[in-house]
């Protein structure tokens, strides 16, 4: 856990994000995450063209390949 002594008793952004994520996970099930993932994917596909997906696929493939060496 983050040491809050240097922040005048305030929690760090990292800690706030972690706590928020834990609370969200407690309050929602698998279907919730599937639905928001679907919405995010649809929004991304509307905002990007084929070249975007080719580039991120290439980067992912390179990263995966480098991890297998």
C-alpha atoms as a PDB file:
ATOM      1  CA  UNK A   1       0.000   0.000   0.000  1.00  0.00           C
ATOM      2  CA  UNK A   2       1.185   3.540  -0.686  1.00  0.00           C
ATOM      3  CA  UNK A   3       2.722   5.575   2.096  1.00  0.00           C
ATOM      4  CA  UNK A   4       0.502   8.625   2.532  1.00  0.00           C
ATOM      5  CA  UNK A   5       2.755  10.493   4.989  1.00  0.00           C
ATOM      6  CA  UNK A   6       4.121  12.743   2.252  1.00  0.00           C
ATOM      7  CA  UNK A   7       0.682  13.660   0.897  1.00  0.00           C
ATOM      8  CA  UNK A   8      -0.799  15.294   4.012  1.00  0.00           C
ATOM      9  CA  UNK A   9      -3.107  12.332   4.578  1.00  0.00           C
ATOM     10  CA  UNK A  10      -4.358  12.267   0.972  1.00  0.00           C
ATOM     11  CA  UNK A  11      -4.309   9.034  -0.975  1.00  0.00           C
ATOM     12  CA  UNK A  12      -2.235   8.759  -4.133  1.00  0.00           C
ATOM     13  CA  UNK A  13      -3.781   8.540  -7.576  1.00  0.00           C
ATOM     14  CA  UNK A  14      -2.504   4.971  -7.767  1.00  0.00           C
ATOM     15  CA  UNK A  15      -4.206   4.021  -4.513  1.00  0.00           C
ATOM     16  CA  UNK A  16      -7.448   5.752  -5.485  1.00  0.00           C
ATOM     17  CA  UNK A  17      -7.503   3.866  -8.784  1.00  0.00           C
ATOM     18  CA  UNK A  18      -6.836   0.551  -7.077  1.00  0.00           C
ATOM     19  CA  UNK A  19      -9.567   1.121  -4.518  1.00  0.00           C
ATOM     20  CA  UNK A  20     -12.012   2.205  -7.217  1.00  0.00           C
ATOM     21  CA  UNK A  21     -11.232  -0.872  -9.276  1.00  0.00           C
ATOM     22  CA  UNK A  22     -11.733  -3.146  -6.289  1.00  0.00           C
ATOM     23  CA  UNK A  23     -15.094  -1.529  -5.506  1.00  0.00           C
ATOM     24  CA  UNK A  24     -16.211  -1.834  -9.121  1.00  0.00           C
ATOM     25  CA  UNK A  25     -15.202  -5.501  -9.172  1.00  0.00           C
ATOM     26  CA  UNK A  26     -17.249  -6.140  -6.033  1.00  0.00           C
ATOM     27  CA  UNK A  27     -20.335  -4.427  -7.443  1.00  0.00           C
ATOM     28  CA  UNK A  28     -20.376  -5.858 -10.974  1.00  0.00           C
ATOM     29  CA  UNK A  29     -20.292  -9.281 -12.568  1.00  0.00           C
ATOM     30  CA  UNK A  30     -18.760 -10.772 -15.707  1.00  0.00           C
ATOM     31  CA  UNK A  31     -21.634  -9.539 -17.897  1.00  0.00           C
ATOM     32  CA  UNK A  32     -20.912  -5.922 -16.910  1.00  0.00           C
ATOM     33  CA  UNK A  33     -17.294  -6.196 -18.048  1.00  0.00           C
ATOM     34  CA  UNK A  34     -18.291  -7.954 -21.272  1.00  0.00           C
ATOM     35  CA  UNK A  35     -20.780  -5.186 -22.079  1.00  0.00           C
ATOM     36  CA  UNK A  36     -18.362  -2.308 -21.434  1.00  0.00           C
ATOM     37  CA  UNK A  37     -15.686  -4.140 -23.431  1.00  0.00           C
ATOM     38  CA  UNK A  38     -18.090  -4.541 -26.337  1.00  0.00           C
ATOM     39  CA  UNK A  39     -19.045  -0.851 -26.194  1.00  0.00           C
ATOM     40  CA  UNK A  40     -15.384   0.162 -26.078  1.00  0.00           C
ATOM     41  CA  UNK A  41     -14.548  -2.051 -29.032  1.00  0.00           C
ATOM     42  CA  UNK A  42     -17.416  -0.631 -31.069  1.00  0.00           C
ATOM     43  CA  UNK A  43     -16.379   2.950 -30.264  1.00  0.00           C
ATOM     44  CA  UNK A  44     -12.762   2.201 -31.164  1.00  0.00           C
ATOM     45  CA  UNK A  45     -13.733   0.626 -34.478  1.00  0.00           C
ATOM     46  CA  UNK A  46     -15.764   3.723 -35.382  1.00  0.00           C
ATOM     47  CA  UNK A  47     -12.812   6.001 -34.661  1.00  0.00           C
ATOM     48  CA  UNK A  48     -10.019   4.031 -36.346  1.00  0.00           C
ATOM     49  CA  UNK A  49      -9.370   2.592 -39.772  1.00  0.00           C
ATOM     50  CA  UNK A  50      -7.859  -0.679 -40.942  1.00  0.00           C
ATOM     51  CA  UNK A  51      -4.297   0.651 -40.752  1.00  0.00           C
ATOM     52  CA  UNK A  52      -4.728   1.287 -37.010  1.00  0.00           C
ATOM     53  CA  UNK A  53      -5.581  -2.362 -36.404  1.00  0.00           C
ATOM     54  CA  UNK A  54      -2.769  -3.543 -38.660  1.00  0.00           C
ATOM     55  CA  UNK A  55      -0.266  -1.433 -36.707  1.00  0.00           C
ATOM     56  CA  UNK A  56      -1.403  -2.559 -33.253  1.00  0.00           C
ATOM     57  CA  UNK A  57      -1.493  -6.170 -34.458  1.00  0.00           C
ATOM     58  CA  UNK A  58       2.068  -5.823 -35.721  1.00  0.00           C
ATOM     59  CA  UNK A  59       3.225  -4.307 -32.417  1.00  0.00           C
ATOM     60  CA  UNK A  60       1.517  -7.052 -30.450  1.00  0.00           C
ATOM     61  CA  UNK A  61       3.063  -9.720 -32.608  1.00  0.00           C
ATOM     62  CA  UNK A  62       6.517  -8.200 -32.211  1.00  0.00           C
ATOM     63  CA  UNK A  63       6.146  -7.959 -28.430  1.00  0.00           C
ATOM     64  CA  UNK A  64       4.930 -11.535 -28.222  1.00  0.00           C
ATOM     65  CA  UNK A  65       7.777 -12.717 -30.409  1.00  0.00           C
ATOM     66  CA  UNK A  66      10.353 -10.889 -28.285  1.00  0.00           C
ATOM     67  CA  UNK A  67       8.942 -12.468 -25.114  1.00  0.00           C
ATOM     68  CA  UNK A  68       9.334 -15.956 -26.541  1.00  0.00           C
ATOM     69  CA  UNK A  69      13.082 -15.624 -27.160  1.00  0.00           C
END
